[in-house]
């Protein structure tokens, strides 16, 4: 993994947006996987600013979804399809035609998961997958002890994750118990993984992801196995990294020709 430590949340967004812009420059029809939650919001803000300034053309980009709640009615404002449309597609000037995602309202959920796996493969695979990390180390909705070989499937949310997400719904009772999520193996199929995090609340998860043992109890530690994984964090999220000085030095010495 390459670890990039920057000053604050806005800088995290700028660096991650730069990686996406570099990809789009060489592959205008790239398939970019997006995540929901607060962590990636600065990335979408930075991308939208580049599009508005005319320095980035995303007209050919395709967007795919990492996970989705089960059982929310179509159009529910907190369905991840609606969130992505609101936070990613509309600000970037993209249409729903550019979007791929699993159907959390399907009658046959295992079939919907299998269909999404096929859809991703038929689209040529994910070029860059943007990830956040939960305070318990989950990526997507792969909760602790998820298999590293897992594919898109139904998962039950932990109480901690539901508590973390209750702020979006208004109360814990409104947060669904189940989700569809890309599995860890599905996520790892992406050619480039970019994980972003900011704030002291994510410091322990980042330390376990980057420096902790490779363990299913910390699903994000699977990034240690990926041939092209980038972790971009602010100083607060990096505060528990034992090798932070080394990570800063290697990034500062990065060759000018080498991209993230």
Protein backbone atom coordinates (compact mmCIF):
# COMPACT_ATOMS: atom_id res chain seq x y z
CA UNK A 1 0.00 0.00 0.00
CA UNK A 2 0.96 3.60 -0.53
CA UNK A 3 0.08 5.75 2.47
CA UNK A 4 -0.48 9.47 1.83
CA UNK A 5 -0.80 11.74 4.87
CA UNK A 6 -2.13 15.24 4.25
CA UNK A 7 -3.20 18.16 6.41
CA UNK A 8 -6.98 17.91 6.48
CA UNK A 9 -10.21 16.54 4.97
CA UNK A 10 -10.16 18.96 2.05
CA UNK A 11 -6.64 17.87 1.12
CA UNK A 12 -7.71 14.22 1.30
CA UNK A 13 -10.43 15.06 -1.23
CA UNK A 14 -8.05 16.89 -3.55
CA UNK A 15 -5.48 14.09 -3.64
CA UNK A 16 -8.11 11.40 -4.25
CA UNK A 17 -9.82 13.52 -6.91
CA UNK A 18 -6.44 13.92 -8.59
CA UNK A 19 -6.06 10.15 -8.82
CA UNK A 20 -9.49 9.87 -10.45
CA UNK A 21 -8.71 12.73 -12.84
CA UNK A 22 -5.44 11.06 -13.84
CA UNK A 23 -7.34 7.85 -14.59
CA UNK A 24 -9.98 9.63 -16.67
CA UNK A 25 -7.28 11.40 -18.66
CA UNK A 26 -5.99 8.07 -19.97
CA UNK A 27 -9.31 6.19 -19.93
CA UNK A 28 -12.28 8.54 -20.51
CA UNK A 29 -14.81 5.70 -20.17
CA UNK A 30 -13.37 4.42 -16.88
CA UNK A 31 -15.63 2.53 -14.51
CA UNK A 32 -15.25 4.22 -11.12
CA UNK A 33 -16.65 2.64 -7.99
CA UNK A 34 -17.98 5.12 -5.44
CA UNK A 35 -18.72 4.89 -1.74
CA UNK A 36 -21.25 6.66 0.45
CA UNK A 37 -20.91 8.16 3.92
CA UNK A 38 -19.05 11.25 5.05
CA UNK A 39 -15.48 10.18 4.17
CA UNK A 40 -15.71 10.47 0.37
CA UNK A 41 -17.69 13.72 0.31
CA UNK A 42 -14.57 15.93 -0.05
CA UNK A 43 -13.57 13.82 -3.04
CA UNK A 44 -16.87 14.48 -4.79
CA UNK A 45 -16.64 18.18 -3.93
CA UNK A 46 -13.16 18.37 -5.46
CA UNK A 47 -14.25 16.48 -8.59
CA UNK A 48 -17.30 18.72 -9.06
CA UNK A 49 -15.09 21.80 -8.76
CA UNK A 50 -12.82 20.49 -11.52
CA UNK A 51 -15.78 19.74 -13.75
CA UNK A 52 -17.24 23.21 -13.13
CA UNK A 53 -13.88 24.82 -13.92
CA UNK A 54 -13.63 22.91 -17.18
CA UNK A 55 -10.42 21.10 -16.19
CA UNK A 56 -12.03 17.66 -16.02
CA UNK A 57 -14.40 16.01 -18.49
CA UNK A 58 -16.26 13.05 -17.00
CA UNK A 59 -18.84 12.75 -19.76
CA UNK A 60 -17.81 9.20 -20.61
CA UNK A 61 -17.21 7.96 -17.06
CA UNK A 62 -19.33 5.15 -15.68
CA UNK A 63 -20.16 4.93 -11.96
CA UNK A 64 -20.82 1.78 -9.95
CA UNK A 65 -22.16 1.27 -6.48
CA UNK A 66 -20.39 -0.45 -3.58
CA UNK A 67 -23.42 -1.44 -1.53
CA UNK A 68 -27.14 -0.89 -0.98
CA UNK A 69 -29.67 -1.19 1.81
CA UNK A 70 -32.22 -4.00 1.56
CA UNK A 71 -35.91 -3.19 1.61
CA UNK A 72 -35.98 0.57 1.17
CA UNK A 73 -38.66 1.61 -1.33
CA UNK A 74 -37.56 3.03 -4.70
CA UNK A 75 -36.74 6.69 -4.37
CA UNK A 76 -36.13 6.58 -0.62
CA UNK A 77 -33.75 9.51 0.04
CA UNK A 78 -31.34 7.34 2.06
CA UNK A 79 -31.14 4.48 -0.44
CA UNK A 80 -27.60 4.51 -1.68
CA UNK A 81 -28.77 4.79 -5.25
CA UNK A 82 -30.50 8.06 -4.32
CA UNK A 83 -27.48 9.24 -2.30
CA UNK A 84 -25.11 8.59 -5.20
CA UNK A 85 -27.40 10.39 -7.61
CA UNK A 86 -27.53 13.36 -5.23
CA UNK A 87 -23.85 13.47 -4.23
CA UNK A 88 -22.08 12.15 -7.33
CA UNK A 89 -24.10 11.93 -10.54
CA UNK A 90 -25.89 15.29 -10.42
CA UNK A 91 -22.86 17.38 -9.30
CA UNK A 92 -20.73 15.78 -12.01
CA UNK A 93 -23.37 16.18 -14.71
CA UNK A 94 -23.81 12.43 -15.18
CA UNK A 95 -27.09 10.66 -15.88
CA UNK A 96 -28.52 7.46 -14.37
CA UNK A 97 -27.61 5.76 -17.65
CA UNK A 98 -23.97 5.82 -16.53
CA UNK A 99 -24.79 4.05 -13.26
CA UNK A 100 -24.52 0.39 -12.20
CA UNK A 101 -25.81 -0.88 -8.87
CA UNK A 102 -27.40 -3.87 -7.10
CA UNK A 103 -31.14 -4.03 -6.58
CA UNK A 104 -31.84 -3.91 -2.85
CA UNK A 105 -35.59 -4.14 -3.48
CA UNK A 106 -35.41 -7.37 -5.49
CA UNK A 107 -37.65 -10.30 -4.53
CA UNK A 108 -34.72 -12.69 -5.04
CA UNK A 109 -31.76 -11.07 -3.33
CA UNK A 110 -29.15 -13.80 -4.03
CA UNK A 111 -30.07 -13.59 -7.72
CA UNK A 112 -29.71 -9.79 -7.60
CA UNK A 113 -26.23 -10.20 -6.10
CA UNK A 114 -25.20 -12.67 -8.81
CA UNK A 115 -26.61 -10.36 -11.48
CA UNK A 116 -24.53 -7.45 -10.17
CA UNK A 117 -21.36 -9.56 -10.22
CA UNK A 118 -22.05 -10.38 -13.88
CA UNK A 119 -22.81 -6.74 -14.66
CA UNK A 120 -19.47 -5.60 -13.27
CA UNK A 121 -17.61 -8.24 -15.25
CA UNK A 122 -19.47 -7.43 -18.47
CA UNK A 123 -18.62 -3.74 -17.95
CA UNK A 124 -14.93 -4.66 -18.05
CA UNK A 125 -14.27 -4.53 -14.33
CA UNK A 126 -13.81 -1.58 -11.98
CA UNK A 127 -10.86 0.65 -12.81
CA UNK A 128 -10.77 2.54 -9.50
CA UNK A 129 -12.78 1.81 -6.38
CA UNK A 130 -13.12 4.59 -3.84
CA UNK A 131 -13.52 3.32 -0.27
CA UNK A 132 -14.22 4.70 3.16
CA UNK A 133 -13.54 2.68 6.30
CA UNK A 134 -15.84 2.10 9.22
CA UNK A 135 -14.74 2.74 12.78
CA UNK A 136 -14.64 -1.06 13.18
CA UNK A 137 -12.53 -1.51 10.04
CA UNK A 138 -15.27 -2.51 7.61
CA UNK A 139 -15.15 -1.66 3.91
CA UNK A 140 -18.34 -1.61 1.92
CA UNK A 141 -20.67 -3.36 4.32
CA UNK A 142 -18.23 -6.21 4.91
CA UNK A 143 -18.48 -6.29 8.68
CA UNK A 144 -15.71 -7.72 10.91
CA UNK A 145 -14.98 -11.42 10.24
CA UNK A 146 -16.13 -11.19 6.61
CA UNK A 147 -14.33 -13.63 4.34
CA UNK A 148 -11.55 -12.24 2.17
CA UNK A 149 -12.91 -14.45 -0.63
CA UNK A 150 -16.47 -13.10 -0.37
CA UNK A 151 -18.42 -11.88 -3.39
CA UNK A 152 -21.51 -9.64 -3.59
CA UNK A 153 -24.00 -10.94 -1.05
CA UNK A 154 -26.53 -10.13 1.68
CA UNK A 155 -25.03 -9.03 5.00
CA UNK A 156 -26.53 -8.24 8.41
CA UNK A 157 -25.32 -4.95 9.86
CA UNK A 158 -23.72 -4.79 13.28
CA UNK A 159 -25.32 -2.65 15.95
CA UNK A 160 -22.29 -0.35 15.80
CA UNK A 161 -22.70 0.25 12.07
CA UNK A 162 -26.41 0.91 12.46
CA UNK A 163 -25.65 3.40 15.24
CA UNK A 164 -23.08 5.12 13.01
CA UNK A 165 -25.65 5.42 10.20
CA UNK A 166 -28.64 6.40 12.32
CA UNK A 167 -27.74 10.08 11.87
CA UNK A 168 -28.79 9.81 8.23
CA UNK A 169 -32.19 8.29 9.07
CA UNK A 170 -33.26 10.16 12.16
CA UNK A 171 -33.45 7.12 14.44
CA UNK A 172 -31.84 3.72 14.86
CA UNK A 173 -35.16 1.95 14.25
CA UNK A 174 -35.28 3.32 10.71
CA UNK A 175 -31.87 1.91 9.71
CA UNK A 176 -32.29 -1.36 7.78
CA UNK A 177 -30.86 -4.54 9.29
CA UNK A 178 -29.68 -5.95 5.98
CA UNK A 179 -27.69 -4.76 2.98
CA UNK A 180 -26.30 -5.95 -0.31
CA UNK A 181 -22.57 -5.38 -0.54
CA UNK A 182 -19.72 -6.13 -2.86
CA UNK A 183 -17.63 -8.77 -1.11
CA UNK A 184 -13.99 -8.28 -0.24
CA UNK A 185 -12.92 -10.35 -3.24
CA UNK A 186 -15.21 -8.33 -5.49
CA UNK A 187 -13.75 -5.07 -4.17
CA UNK A 188 -10.25 -6.46 -4.62
CA UNK A 189 -10.93 -7.14 -8.31
CA UNK A 190 -10.73 -3.37 -8.92
CA UNK A 191 -7.49 -2.33 -10.57
CA UNK A 192 -6.86 0.49 -8.08
CA UNK A 193 -8.24 0.79 -4.56
CA UNK A 194 -8.30 4.26 -2.99
CA UNK A 195 -9.29 4.40 0.67
CA UNK A 196 -9.91 7.80 2.25
CA UNK A 197 -10.36 8.68 5.91
CA UNK A 198 -10.25 11.76 8.12
CA UNK A 199 -10.60 12.48 11.79
CA UNK A 200 -9.46 10.95 15.06
CA UNK A 201 -12.44 8.59 15.10
CA UNK A 202 -10.90 6.68 12.19
CA UNK A 203 -7.34 6.55 13.61
CA UNK A 204 -7.60 3.09 15.17
CA UNK A 205 -9.19 1.58 12.06
CA UNK A 206 -6.49 3.10 9.86
CA UNK A 207 -3.71 1.78 12.11
CA UNK A 208 -5.18 -1.72 11.98
CA UNK A 209 -5.76 -1.49 8.22
CA UNK A 210 -2.22 -0.37 7.42
CA UNK A 211 0.00 -1.76 10.19
CA UNK A 212 -2.13 -4.36 11.94
CA UNK A 213 -2.18 -8.04 11.13
CA UNK A 214 -3.93 -9.28 8.03
CA UNK A 215 -7.14 -10.43 9.68
CA UNK A 216 -10.80 -10.88 8.80
CA UNK A 217 -11.72 -9.04 12.00
CA UNK A 218 -10.39 -5.92 10.21
CA UNK A 219 -11.83 -6.31 6.70
CA UNK A 220 -9.94 -3.26 5.37
CA UNK A 221 -6.65 -5.04 6.11
CA UNK A 222 -7.31 -6.98 2.89
CA UNK A 223 -5.88 -3.93 1.11
CA UNK A 224 -2.47 -5.18 2.24
CA UNK A 225 -2.83 -7.94 -0.38
CA UNK A 226 -3.77 -5.66 -3.26
CA UNK A 227 -1.15 -4.81 -5.92
CA UNK A 228 -2.32 -1.18 -6.21
CA UNK A 229 -3.88 0.22 -3.05
CA UNK A 230 -3.64 3.83 -1.90
CA UNK A 231 -4.65 5.04 1.57
CA UNK A 232 -5.14 8.82 1.85
CA UNK A 233 -5.65 10.19 5.37
CA UNK A 234 -5.45 13.46 7.25
CA UNK A 235 -3.14 14.00 10.21
CA UNK A 236 -5.84 13.08 12.74
CA UNK A 237 -6.64 9.75 11.06
CA UNK A 238 -2.89 9.03 10.83
CA UNK A 239 -2.27 9.79 14.50
CA UNK A 240 -1.90 6.15 15.57
CA UNK A 241 0.38 5.04 12.74
CA UNK A 242 3.75 3.93 14.13
CA UNK A 243 5.46 4.46 10.78
CA UNK A 244 3.85 7.80 9.91
CA UNK A 245 7.22 9.54 9.50
CA UNK A 246 8.31 6.92 6.99
CA UNK A 247 5.07 7.28 5.04
CA UNK A 248 5.51 11.05 4.90
CA UNK A 249 9.11 10.68 3.74
CA UNK A 250 8.30 8.21 0.97
CA UNK A 251 5.47 10.37 -0.36
CA UNK A 252 7.70 13.47 -0.27
CA UNK A 253 10.35 11.57 -2.23
CA UNK A 254 7.91 10.20 -4.79
CA UNK A 255 9.25 10.59 -8.36
CA UNK A 256 7.50 13.37 -10.24
CA UNK A 257 6.57 10.98 -13.06
CA UNK A 258 4.89 8.47 -10.74
CA UNK A 259 1.17 8.82 -10.19
CA UNK A 260 -0.80 7.46 -7.25
